[in-house]
Every structure is written in C-alpha cells, then in structure tokens.
Amino acid sequence: MDNFSTYREKHGFNWAALIAGVLMIVAGLFLILHPGRALHAFVLLFAILSIVQGFVWLAVYSHLRYFISFSWLAIISGVIDIIIGILFLYSYDAAGLTIAYLFAFWFLFDSVSGISFTWHLKSTLGPYFWINMILSVLSLFIAIGMMFNPALSALTLIWLVSFWLLIFGVSEIVAAFGNR
C-alpha cells in the first residue's frame, strides 16, 4: 500500500489512500460478517495462484534446463501445482479443509520453534524467559486445538486477515488526512 500512501495531489490530500483505506475496511468487515464466503474466496484465490504458479514453473523450466541438471523438478512442481489448483477449483470443501490444516501446522511449527528458541536463549532473556516460554506454550496449545478443530483454524485465518485489513485500512485513512 506504499504506492497509495506516498501519492499526493497538489493540495496534499491523498485521495488514493482514502479510497484504499475505505476499501480495506469494507473488505475486512465483509470477511468478519461472512466467514463462509471468505473461506470460499481464499480457496478460489489459492486455486488460481496455484495454477498460475504451475505455469510459471513450466515456463521457468525452459530457461533452467540449460544451466541446472535437476531442472526437471520445475516440470514436476509445475504439474503438481496445476493439479492442486484444479482439484481446489472442483472441491471447495476439501480445499478449505486443506487450507485450515496448513494454517494449523504453520501455528504448530512456529510454536515449537518459539519454545526451542526461548529455551536456548534462556540465559540471555533474563526475566523475559518465563513470559516468552508461557506465551510459546500457550500458542502450542492453540495450534493443537486448531489441528483437532479445522473449523477453528479456518475461522482464525479469516479473522487474522480481517483484522489486518481493518488495521491497515485505518492506517491508510490516517495517511490520507495526515498529508494535508
């Protein structure tokens, strides 16, 4: 959104930032009010991006084959990405469940990493060690809960994206008025 934030008209008011901010807030509120549609939108977006990425891998192969001996991996990646994208287009339920589990595994991995790093930095964190450890263990429990309840995982994803849109939408509106 830096393009919108840095754009100024002669009078100093940033109309592009205002419009971007309002659109972000509307999108964030829509996601909160319609989580089922939001998940379908994520699935559709992921499917399209997967298909496009597949074709990018296939195109990259033609350039890589002269320089890298294992460039055939680009063909395999491209075909797999295209297949996943097509499967997601035809099965929203399976795709939504897959995205929910991926999100849960992401939380799980970050939680375990947080515990590991906190433990190894015990001597340098001082009194903050216990705060970091408690928060990391709490996030581990949340991640495990998300794995056993994929609907919670999908809802968490939607809420995080919603709040991100709301926060940056307000930020863009403030930037629009701040340049006066």
N, C-alpha and C. Protein backbone atom coordinates (compact mmCIF):
# COMPACT_ATOMS: atom_id res chain seq x y z
N MET A 1 0.80 -1.19 0.00
CA MET A 1 0.00 0.00 0.00
C MET A 1 0.85 1.26 0.00
N ASP A 2 2.16 1.12 -0.09
CA ASP A 2 3.02 2.29 -0.10
C ASP A 2 2.74 3.18 -1.29
N ASN A 3 2.31 2.61 -2.41
CA ASN A 3 2.00 3.42 -3.58
C ASN A 3 0.88 4.40 -3.26
N PHE A 4 -0.11 3.94 -2.51
CA PHE A 4 -1.22 4.82 -2.16
C PHE A 4 -0.79 5.85 -1.12
N SER A 5 -0.01 5.44 -0.15
CA SER A 5 0.37 6.32 0.94
C SER A 5 1.29 7.44 0.49
N THR A 6 2.09 7.22 -0.53
CA THR A 6 3.06 8.23 -0.94
C THR A 6 2.54 9.13 -2.05
N TYR A 7 1.36 8.83 -2.58
CA TYR A 7 0.79 9.61 -3.66
C TYR A 7 0.12 10.86 -3.09
N ARG A 8 0.47 12.03 -3.61
CA ARG A 8 -0.13 13.27 -3.13
C ARG A 8 -0.59 14.11 -4.31
N GLU A 9 -1.72 14.75 -4.11
CA GLU A 9 -2.17 15.73 -5.10
C GLU A 9 -1.61 17.09 -4.70
N LYS A 10 -1.93 18.12 -5.49
CA LYS A 10 -1.40 19.45 -5.22
C LYS A 10 -1.78 19.97 -3.84
N HIS A 11 -2.96 19.65 -3.38
CA HIS A 11 -3.45 20.18 -2.11
C HIS A 11 -2.98 19.37 -0.91
N GLY A 12 -2.28 18.27 -1.13
CA GLY A 12 -1.75 17.49 -0.04
C GLY A 12 -2.68 16.41 0.48
N PHE A 13 -3.94 16.39 0.03
CA PHE A 13 -4.85 15.34 0.48
C PHE A 13 -4.66 14.12 -0.41
N ASN A 14 -4.58 12.95 0.19
CA ASN A 14 -4.27 11.73 -0.53
C ASN A 14 -5.56 10.93 -0.77
N TRP A 15 -6.20 11.19 -1.91
CA TRP A 15 -7.46 10.52 -2.23
C TRP A 15 -7.26 9.02 -2.45
N ALA A 16 -6.15 8.64 -3.03
CA ALA A 16 -5.90 7.22 -3.28
C ALA A 16 -5.80 6.45 -1.96
N ALA A 17 -5.13 7.02 -0.98
CA ALA A 17 -5.01 6.37 0.33
C ALA A 17 -6.38 6.28 1.01
N LEU A 18 -7.17 7.33 0.88
CA LEU A 18 -8.51 7.31 1.46
C LEU A 18 -9.36 6.20 0.85
N ILE A 19 -9.35 6.11 -0.47
CA ILE A 19 -10.14 5.09 -1.16
C ILE A 19 -9.63 3.69 -0.80
N ALA A 20 -8.30 3.51 -0.80
CA ALA A 20 -7.73 2.21 -0.43
C ALA A 20 -8.10 1.84 1.00
N GLY A 21 -8.03 2.80 1.90
CA GLY A 21 -8.38 2.55 3.30
C GLY A 21 -9.83 2.15 3.48
N VAL A 22 -10.71 2.87 2.81
CA VAL A 22 -12.15 2.55 2.90
C VAL A 22 -12.41 1.16 2.33
N LEU A 23 -11.80 0.84 1.19
CA LEU A 23 -11.99 -0.49 0.59
C LEU A 23 -11.46 -1.60 1.49
N MET A 24 -10.34 -1.35 2.15
CA MET A 24 -9.79 -2.35 3.07
C MET A 24 -10.72 -2.57 4.25
N ILE A 25 -11.25 -1.50 4.78
CA ILE A 25 -12.18 -1.62 5.92
C ILE A 25 -13.44 -2.36 5.49
N VAL A 26 -13.98 -2.03 4.33
CA VAL A 26 -15.18 -2.72 3.83
C VAL A 26 -14.88 -4.20 3.64
N ALA A 27 -13.72 -4.52 3.05
CA ALA A 27 -13.36 -5.93 2.84
C ALA A 27 -13.18 -6.64 4.18
N GLY A 28 -12.54 -6.00 5.14
CA GLY A 28 -12.36 -6.60 6.47
C GLY A 28 -13.68 -6.87 7.16
N LEU A 29 -14.60 -5.91 7.09
CA LEU A 29 -15.92 -6.12 7.70
C LEU A 29 -16.70 -7.22 6.98
N PHE A 30 -16.59 -7.28 5.65
CA PHE A 30 -17.26 -8.33 4.89
C PHE A 30 -16.75 -9.70 5.33
N LEU A 31 -15.43 -9.84 5.50
CA LEU A 31 -14.87 -11.12 5.92
C LEU A 31 -15.37 -11.52 7.30
N ILE A 32 -15.48 -10.55 8.20
CA ILE A 32 -15.97 -10.85 9.54
C ILE A 32 -17.43 -11.27 9.51
N LEU A 33 -18.23 -10.59 8.70
CA LEU A 33 -19.67 -10.86 8.66
C LEU A 33 -20.03 -12.09 7.84
N HIS A 34 -19.17 -12.48 6.91
CA HIS A 34 -19.46 -13.62 6.03
C HIS A 34 -18.25 -14.57 5.96
N PRO A 35 -17.95 -15.26 7.06
CA PRO A 35 -16.75 -16.12 7.06
C PRO A 35 -16.81 -17.27 6.06
N GLY A 36 -18.00 -17.81 5.79
CA GLY A 36 -18.11 -18.90 4.82
C GLY A 36 -17.73 -18.44 3.43
N ARG A 37 -18.22 -17.28 3.04
CA ARG A 37 -17.86 -16.74 1.72
C ARG A 37 -16.38 -16.39 1.67
N ALA A 38 -15.86 -15.92 2.80
CA ALA A 38 -14.45 -15.56 2.84
C ALA A 38 -13.58 -16.79 2.62
N LEU A 39 -13.94 -17.90 3.24
CA LEU A 39 -13.17 -19.12 3.05
C LEU A 39 -13.24 -19.57 1.60
N HIS A 40 -14.40 -19.46 0.98
CA HIS A 40 -14.52 -19.80 -0.44
C HIS A 40 -13.65 -18.89 -1.29
N ALA A 41 -13.59 -17.62 -0.93
CA ALA A 41 -12.74 -16.68 -1.67
C ALA A 41 -11.26 -17.05 -1.52
N PHE A 42 -10.85 -17.43 -0.30
CA PHE A 42 -9.47 -17.87 -0.09
C PHE A 42 -9.16 -19.10 -0.93
N VAL A 43 -10.10 -20.04 -0.95
CA VAL A 43 -9.90 -21.27 -1.72
C VAL A 43 -9.76 -20.94 -3.21
N LEU A 44 -10.64 -20.10 -3.71
CA LEU A 44 -10.59 -19.70 -5.11
C LEU A 44 -9.27 -19.00 -5.43
N LEU A 45 -8.88 -18.09 -4.57
CA LEU A 45 -7.62 -17.37 -4.77
C LEU A 45 -6.43 -18.32 -4.75
N PHE A 46 -6.42 -19.24 -3.78
CA PHE A 46 -5.35 -20.20 -3.68
C PHE A 46 -5.31 -21.11 -4.92
N ALA A 47 -6.46 -21.52 -5.40
CA ALA A 47 -6.53 -22.38 -6.59
C ALA A 47 -5.97 -21.66 -7.81
N ILE A 48 -6.38 -20.43 -8.01
CA ILE A 48 -5.89 -19.65 -9.15
C ILE A 48 -4.39 -19.42 -9.05
N LEU A 49 -3.92 -19.03 -7.85
CA LEU A 49 -2.49 -18.81 -7.67
C LEU A 49 -1.69 -20.09 -7.89
N SER A 50 -2.23 -21.21 -7.48
CA SER A 50 -1.56 -22.49 -7.68
C SER A 50 -1.44 -22.83 -9.16
N ILE A 51 -2.49 -22.60 -9.91
CA ILE A 51 -2.46 -22.86 -11.36
C ILE A 51 -1.47 -21.93 -12.05
N VAL A 52 -1.51 -20.66 -11.70
CA VAL A 52 -0.58 -19.69 -12.29
C VAL A 52 0.86 -20.06 -11.95
N GLN A 53 1.09 -20.41 -10.68
CA GLN A 53 2.44 -20.81 -10.27
C GLN A 53 2.90 -22.04 -11.03
N GLY A 54 1.98 -22.97 -11.29
CA GLY A 54 2.32 -24.16 -12.07
C GLY A 54 2.81 -23.80 -13.46
N PHE A 55 2.11 -22.89 -14.11
CA PHE A 55 2.54 -22.46 -15.44
C PHE A 55 3.85 -21.68 -15.39
N VAL A 56 4.07 -20.95 -14.31
CA VAL A 56 5.35 -20.24 -14.15
C VAL A 56 6.48 -21.25 -14.05
N TRP A 57 6.30 -22.32 -13.24
CA TRP A 57 7.32 -23.36 -13.13
C TRP A 57 7.61 -23.99 -14.50
N LEU A 58 6.56 -24.26 -15.26
CA LEU A 58 6.76 -24.85 -16.59
C LEU A 58 7.53 -23.91 -17.51
N ALA A 59 7.23 -22.61 -17.42
CA ALA A 59 7.95 -21.63 -18.23
C ALA A 59 9.40 -21.49 -17.78
N VAL A 60 9.63 -21.55 -16.47
CA VAL A 60 10.98 -21.43 -15.94
C VAL A 60 11.85 -22.60 -16.38
N TYR A 61 11.24 -23.77 -16.51
CA TYR A 61 11.99 -24.95 -16.94
C TYR A 61 12.73 -24.71 -18.24
N SER A 62 12.08 -24.05 -19.18
CA SER A 62 12.72 -23.83 -20.47
C SER A 62 14.00 -23.01 -20.35
N HIS A 63 14.09 -22.18 -19.31
CA HIS A 63 15.31 -21.40 -19.09
C HIS A 63 16.32 -22.14 -18.22
N LEU A 64 15.81 -22.93 -17.29
CA LEU A 64 16.70 -23.62 -16.35
C LEU A 64 17.39 -24.84 -16.95
N ARG A 65 16.79 -25.45 -17.93
CA ARG A 65 17.32 -26.72 -18.44
C ARG A 65 18.73 -26.61 -18.99
N TYR A 66 19.16 -25.41 -19.36
CA TYR A 66 20.50 -25.23 -19.89
C TYR A 66 21.54 -25.01 -18.80
N PHE A 67 21.07 -24.66 -17.59
CA PHE A 67 22.00 -24.29 -16.53
C PHE A 67 22.01 -25.24 -15.33
N ILE A 68 20.90 -25.92 -15.10
CA ILE A 68 20.78 -26.74 -13.89
C ILE A 68 20.41 -28.16 -14.29
N SER A 69 21.20 -29.12 -13.81
CA SER A 69 20.98 -30.51 -14.22
C SER A 69 19.67 -31.09 -13.68
N PHE A 70 19.20 -30.60 -12.56
CA PHE A 70 17.96 -31.14 -11.99
C PHE A 70 16.77 -30.23 -12.26
N SER A 71 16.80 -29.53 -13.39
CA SER A 71 15.73 -28.61 -13.74
C SER A 71 14.40 -29.32 -13.99
N TRP A 72 14.44 -30.63 -14.17
CA TRP A 72 13.21 -31.41 -14.35
C TRP A 72 12.29 -31.28 -13.15
N LEU A 73 12.84 -30.88 -11.99
CA LEU A 73 12.00 -30.66 -10.81
C LEU A 73 11.00 -29.52 -11.05
N ALA A 74 11.38 -28.59 -11.91
CA ALA A 74 10.46 -27.49 -12.23
C ALA A 74 9.21 -28.03 -12.94
N ILE A 75 9.39 -29.02 -13.81
CA ILE A 75 8.25 -29.62 -14.51
C ILE A 75 7.35 -30.33 -13.50
N ILE A 76 7.96 -31.09 -12.59
CA ILE A 76 7.16 -31.81 -11.58
C ILE A 76 6.41 -30.82 -10.69
N SER A 77 7.09 -29.79 -10.23
CA SER A 77 6.44 -28.77 -9.40
C SER A 77 5.30 -28.10 -10.16
N GLY A 78 5.54 -27.77 -11.42
CA GLY A 78 4.52 -27.12 -12.22
C GLY A 78 3.28 -27.98 -12.39
N VAL A 79 3.48 -29.24 -12.70
CA VAL A 79 2.35 -30.15 -12.90
C VAL A 79 1.58 -30.34 -11.59
N ILE A 80 2.31 -30.51 -10.48
CA ILE A 80 1.65 -30.69 -9.18
C ILE A 80 0.85 -29.44 -8.81
N ASP A 81 1.44 -28.26 -9.01
CA ASP A 81 0.72 -27.02 -8.70
C ASP A 81 -0.56 -26.90 -9.53
N ILE A 82 -0.48 -27.23 -10.80
CA ILE A 82 -1.67 -27.14 -11.66
C ILE A 82 -2.73 -28.14 -11.22
N ILE A 83 -2.32 -29.35 -10.89
CA ILE A 83 -3.28 -30.37 -10.43
C ILE A 83 -3.95 -29.92 -9.13
N ILE A 84 -3.16 -29.42 -8.18
CA ILE A 84 -3.73 -28.95 -6.91
C ILE A 84 -4.71 -27.81 -7.17
N GLY A 85 -4.35 -26.88 -8.02
CA GLY A 85 -5.24 -25.77 -8.33
C GLY A 85 -6.55 -26.24 -8.93
N ILE A 86 -6.48 -27.17 -9.86
CA ILE A 86 -7.71 -27.69 -10.49
C ILE A 86 -8.56 -28.46 -9.47
N LEU A 87 -7.91 -29.27 -8.62
CA LEU A 87 -8.66 -30.00 -7.59
C LEU A 87 -9.35 -29.03 -6.62
N PHE A 88 -8.66 -27.96 -6.27
CA PHE A 88 -9.26 -26.98 -5.36
C PHE A 88 -10.43 -26.26 -6.01
N LEU A 89 -10.37 -26.04 -7.31
CA LEU A 89 -11.49 -25.41 -8.01
C LEU A 89 -12.74 -26.29 -7.99
N TYR A 90 -12.54 -27.60 -8.00
CA TYR A 90 -13.67 -28.52 -8.08
C TYR A 90 -14.12 -29.07 -6.73
N SER A 91 -13.37 -28.82 -5.69
CA SER A 91 -13.76 -29.31 -4.37
C SER A 91 -13.44 -28.27 -3.31
N TYR A 92 -14.36 -27.33 -3.13
CA TYR A 92 -14.16 -26.27 -2.15
C TYR A 92 -14.02 -26.81 -0.73
N ASP A 93 -14.78 -27.84 -0.40
CA ASP A 93 -14.73 -28.38 0.96
C ASP A 93 -13.36 -28.97 1.27
N ALA A 94 -12.85 -29.79 0.36
CA ALA A 94 -11.53 -30.38 0.57
C ALA A 94 -10.45 -29.30 0.60
N ALA A 95 -10.59 -28.31 -0.25
CA ALA A 95 -9.61 -27.23 -0.29
C ALA A 95 -9.65 -26.41 1.00
N GLY A 96 -10.84 -26.10 1.47
CA GLY A 96 -10.97 -25.35 2.72
C GLY A 96 -10.37 -26.10 3.88
N LEU A 97 -10.61 -27.41 3.93
CA LEU A 97 -10.05 -28.25 4.98
C LEU A 97 -8.53 -28.29 4.88
N THR A 98 -8.01 -28.38 3.68
CA THR A 98 -6.56 -28.40 3.47
C THR A 98 -5.93 -27.10 3.94
N ILE A 99 -6.53 -25.98 3.56
CA ILE A 99 -6.01 -24.67 3.97
C ILE A 99 -6.07 -24.54 5.49
N ALA A 100 -7.15 -25.01 6.10
CA ALA A 100 -7.28 -24.95 7.55
C ALA A 100 -6.16 -25.75 8.23
N TYR A 101 -5.89 -26.95 7.73
CA TYR A 101 -4.81 -27.77 8.32
C TYR A 101 -3.44 -27.16 8.07
N LEU A 102 -3.22 -26.58 6.90
CA LEU A 102 -1.95 -25.91 6.64
C LEU A 102 -1.73 -24.76 7.62
N PHE A 103 -2.78 -24.02 7.87
CA PHE A 103 -2.71 -22.90 8.81
C PHE A 103 -2.41 -23.42 10.22
N ALA A 104 -3.05 -24.51 10.62
CA ALA A 104 -2.81 -25.11 11.94
C ALA A 104 -1.37 -25.61 12.05
N PHE A 105 -0.85 -26.26 11.00
CA PHE A 105 0.52 -26.74 11.01
C PHE A 105 1.51 -25.57 11.07
N TRP A 106 1.18 -24.47 10.43
CA TRP A 106 2.02 -23.28 10.48
C TRP A 106 2.11 -22.79 11.92
N PHE A 107 0.97 -22.69 12.61
CA PHE A 107 0.96 -22.28 14.01
C PHE A 107 1.76 -23.27 14.86
N LEU A 108 1.58 -24.56 14.62
CA LEU A 108 2.28 -25.58 15.38
C LEU A 108 3.79 -25.45 15.21
N PHE A 109 4.23 -25.30 13.97
CA PHE A 109 5.66 -25.17 13.69
C PHE A 109 6.23 -23.92 14.38
N ASP A 110 5.54 -22.80 14.27
CA ASP A 110 6.01 -21.58 14.91
C ASP A 110 6.03 -21.70 16.43
N SER A 111 5.06 -22.40 16.99
CA SER A 111 5.02 -22.59 18.44
C SER A 111 6.19 -23.43 18.93
N VAL A 112 6.45 -24.53 18.25
CA VAL A 112 7.57 -25.39 18.62
C VAL A 112 8.89 -24.63 18.44
N SER A 113 9.00 -23.87 17.37
CA SER A 113 10.21 -23.06 17.16
C SER A 113 10.36 -22.04 18.28
N GLY A 114 9.25 -21.41 18.67
CA GLY A 114 9.30 -20.42 19.76
C GLY A 114 9.77 -21.04 21.06
N ILE A 115 9.27 -22.23 21.38
CA ILE A 115 9.69 -22.91 22.61
C ILE A 115 11.18 -23.25 22.53
N SER A 116 11.61 -23.77 21.40
CA SER A 116 13.01 -24.16 21.23
C SER A 116 13.94 -22.96 21.35
N PHE A 117 13.63 -21.88 20.65
CA PHE A 117 14.49 -20.70 20.70
C PHE A 117 14.48 -20.06 22.08
N THR A 118 13.32 -20.03 22.70
CA THR A 118 13.23 -19.45 24.04
C THR A 118 14.10 -20.25 25.01
N TRP A 119 14.03 -21.58 24.92
CA TRP A 119 14.81 -22.44 25.81
C TRP A 119 16.31 -22.23 25.60
N HIS A 120 16.73 -22.11 24.34
CA HIS A 120 18.15 -21.94 24.06
C HIS A 120 18.65 -20.55 24.40
N LEU A 121 17.77 -19.58 24.48
CA LEU A 121 18.16 -18.21 24.82
C LEU A 121 17.85 -17.88 26.28
N LYS A 122 17.68 -18.91 27.08
CA LYS A 122 17.30 -18.75 28.48
C LYS A 122 18.21 -17.77 29.22
N SER A 123 19.50 -17.91 29.03
CA SER A 123 20.45 -17.07 29.77
C SER A 123 20.44 -15.62 29.30
N THR A 124 20.11 -15.38 28.04
CA THR A 124 20.14 -14.01 27.53
C THR A 124 18.81 -13.28 27.71
N LEU A 125 17.72 -14.02 27.89
CA LEU A 125 16.40 -13.38 28.04
C LEU A 125 16.15 -12.86 29.44
N GLY A 126 16.83 -13.41 30.41
CA GLY A 126 16.66 -12.97 31.79
C GLY A 126 15.22 -13.18 32.26
N PRO A 127 14.63 -12.15 32.86
CA PRO A 127 13.27 -12.31 33.39
C PRO A 127 12.21 -12.50 32.30
N TYR A 128 12.54 -12.18 31.08
CA TYR A 128 11.59 -12.34 29.98
C TYR A 128 11.48 -13.79 29.50
N PHE A 129 12.38 -14.64 30.00
CA PHE A 129 12.36 -16.05 29.61
C PHE A 129 11.00 -16.68 29.91
N TRP A 130 10.52 -16.48 31.13
CA TRP A 130 9.26 -17.14 31.52
C TRP A 130 8.07 -16.57 30.76
N ILE A 131 8.08 -15.30 30.48
CA ILE A 131 6.99 -14.70 29.69
C ILE A 131 6.97 -15.32 28.29
N ASN A 132 8.15 -15.37 27.66
CA ASN A 132 8.24 -15.97 26.32
C ASN A 132 7.86 -17.44 26.33
N MET A 133 8.32 -18.16 27.35
CA MET A 133 8.02 -19.59 27.42
C MET A 133 6.52 -19.82 27.61
N ILE A 134 5.90 -19.08 28.50
CA ILE A 134 4.46 -19.23 28.73
C ILE A 134 3.67 -18.91 27.46
N LEU A 135 4.03 -17.84 26.78
CA LEU A 135 3.34 -17.48 25.54
C LEU A 135 3.55 -18.52 24.44
N SER A 136 4.76 -19.07 24.36
CA SER A 136 5.03 -20.09 23.35
C SER A 136 4.27 -21.38 23.64
N VAL A 137 4.19 -21.76 24.91
CA VAL A 137 3.44 -22.97 25.27
C VAL A 137 1.95 -22.73 25.03
N LEU A 138 1.46 -21.54 25.36
CA LEU A 138 0.06 -21.21 25.09
C LEU A 138 -0.24 -21.29 23.60
N SER A 139 0.65 -20.77 22.78
CA SER A 139 0.44 -20.84 21.33
C SER A 139 0.50 -22.28 20.84
N LEU A 140 1.29 -23.13 21.50
CA LEU A 140 1.32 -24.55 21.15
C LEU A 140 -0.04 -25.20 21.41
N PHE A 141 -0.64 -24.89 22.55
CA PHE A 141 -1.97 -25.44 22.85
C PHE A 141 -3.02 -24.95 21.85
N ILE A 142 -2.91 -23.70 21.45
CA ILE A 142 -3.84 -23.16 20.45
C ILE A 142 -3.64 -23.89 19.12
N ALA A 143 -2.40 -24.11 18.74
CA ALA A 143 -2.11 -24.82 17.48
C ALA A 143 -2.65 -26.24 17.52
N ILE A 144 -2.50 -26.93 18.64
CA ILE A 144 -3.02 -28.29 18.76
C ILE A 144 -4.55 -28.26 18.67
N GLY A 145 -5.16 -27.30 19.33
CA GLY A 145 -6.62 -27.15 19.24
C GLY A 145 -7.07 -26.90 17.81
N MET A 146 -6.30 -26.11 17.07
CA MET A 146 -6.64 -25.84 15.68
C MET A 146 -6.53 -27.10 14.83
N MET A 147 -5.59 -27.97 15.16
CA MET A 147 -5.42 -29.20 14.39
C MET A 147 -6.60 -30.15 14.61
N PHE A 148 -7.14 -30.15 15.83
CA PHE A 148 -8.27 -31.03 16.12
C PHE A 148 -9.61 -30.42 15.74
N ASN A 149 -9.60 -29.13 15.43
CA ASN A 149 -10.82 -28.45 15.03
C ASN A 149 -10.52 -27.57 13.81
N PRO A 150 -10.55 -28.15 12.60
CA PRO A 150 -10.18 -27.37 11.41
C PRO A 150 -11.10 -26.16 11.18
N ALA A 151 -12.33 -26.21 11.65
CA ALA A 151 -13.21 -25.05 11.50
C ALA A 151 -12.65 -23.87 12.29
N LEU A 152 -12.10 -24.14 13.47
CA LEU A 152 -11.47 -23.09 14.27
C LEU A 152 -10.26 -22.52 13.52
N SER A 153 -9.51 -23.39 12.89
CA SER A 153 -8.34 -22.95 12.14
C SER A 153 -8.75 -22.04 10.98
N ALA A 154 -9.78 -22.44 10.23
CA ALA A 154 -10.24 -21.63 9.10
C ALA A 154 -10.77 -20.29 9.59
N LEU A 155 -11.53 -20.31 10.68
CA LEU A 155 -12.07 -19.07 11.24
C LEU A 155 -10.96 -18.16 11.73
N THR A 156 -9.91 -18.75 12.33
CA THR A 156 -8.78 -17.96 12.79
C THR A 156 -8.09 -17.27 11.62
N LEU A 157 -7.92 -17.98 10.53
CA LEU A 157 -7.31 -17.40 9.33
C LEU A 157 -8.14 -16.22 8.84
N ILE A 158 -9.43 -16.41 8.78
CA ILE A 158 -10.32 -15.34 8.30
C ILE A 158 -10.26 -14.13 9.23
N TRP A 159 -10.28 -14.38 10.53
CA TRP A 159 -10.23 -13.27 11.49
C TRP A 159 -8.91 -12.52 11.41
N LEU A 160 -7.79 -13.23 11.26
CA LEU A 160 -6.50 -12.55 11.15
C LEU A 160 -6.44 -11.67 9.91
N VAL A 161 -6.88 -12.19 8.79
CA VAL A 161 -6.89 -11.39 7.56
C VAL A 161 -7.85 -10.21 7.72
N SER A 162 -8.99 -10.43 8.35
CA SER A 162 -9.96 -9.36 8.56
C SER A 162 -9.36 -8.23 9.39
N PHE A 163 -8.74 -8.60 10.50
CA PHE A 163 -8.15 -7.58 11.37
C PHE A 163 -6.99 -6.87 10.69
N TRP A 164 -6.23 -7.60 9.89
CA TRP A 164 -5.15 -6.97 9.13
C TRP A 164 -5.73 -5.92 8.19
N LEU A 165 -6.79 -6.28 7.47
CA LEU A 165 -7.42 -5.33 6.55
C LEU A 165 -7.96 -4.11 7.30
N LEU A 166 -8.58 -4.33 8.44
CA LEU A 166 -9.13 -3.21 9.21
C LEU A 166 -8.02 -2.28 9.71
N ILE A 167 -6.96 -2.86 10.25
CA ILE A 167 -5.86 -2.05 10.78
C ILE A 167 -5.18 -1.24 9.68
N PHE A 168 -4.86 -1.87 8.57
CA PHE A 168 -4.20 -1.15 7.50
C PHE A 168 -5.15 -0.22 6.76
N GLY A 169 -6.43 -0.53 6.77
CA GLY A 169 -7.41 0.40 6.21
C GLY A 169 -7.45 1.70 6.99
N VAL A 170 -7.50 1.59 8.31
CA VAL A 170 -7.47 2.79 9.16
C VAL A 170 -6.16 3.53 8.97
N SER A 171 -5.06 2.79 8.86
CA SER A 171 -3.75 3.41 8.65
C SER A 171 -3.72 4.22 7.35
N GLU A 172 -4.31 3.69 6.29
CA GLU A 172 -4.35 4.41 5.02
C GLU A 172 -5.21 5.68 5.12
N ILE A 173 -6.32 5.57 5.84
CA ILE A 173 -7.17 6.76 6.01
C ILE A 173 -6.44 7.82 6.81
N VAL A 174 -5.73 7.43 7.85
CA VAL A 174 -4.95 8.39 8.62
C VAL A 174 -3.88 9.02 7.74
N ALA A 175 -3.23 8.21 6.90
CA ALA A 175 -2.21 8.74 5.99
C ALA A 175 -2.84 9.74 5.00
N ALA A 176 -4.06 9.48 4.57
CA ALA A 176 -4.72 10.38 3.63
C ALA A 176 -4.92 11.77 4.25
N PHE A 177 -5.34 11.79 5.50
CA PHE A 177 -5.59 13.06 6.17
C PHE A 177 -4.32 13.67 6.75
N GLY A 178 -3.31 12.84 6.98
CA GLY A 178 -2.07 13.31 7.58
C GLY A 178 -1.21 14.14 6.65
N ASN A 179 -1.46 14.05 5.36
CA ASN A 179 -0.65 14.79 4.38
C ASN A 179 -1.27 16.11 3.98
N ARG A 180 -2.20 16.59 4.75
CA ARG A 180 -2.89 17.85 4.40
C ARG A 180 -2.04 19.05 4.63
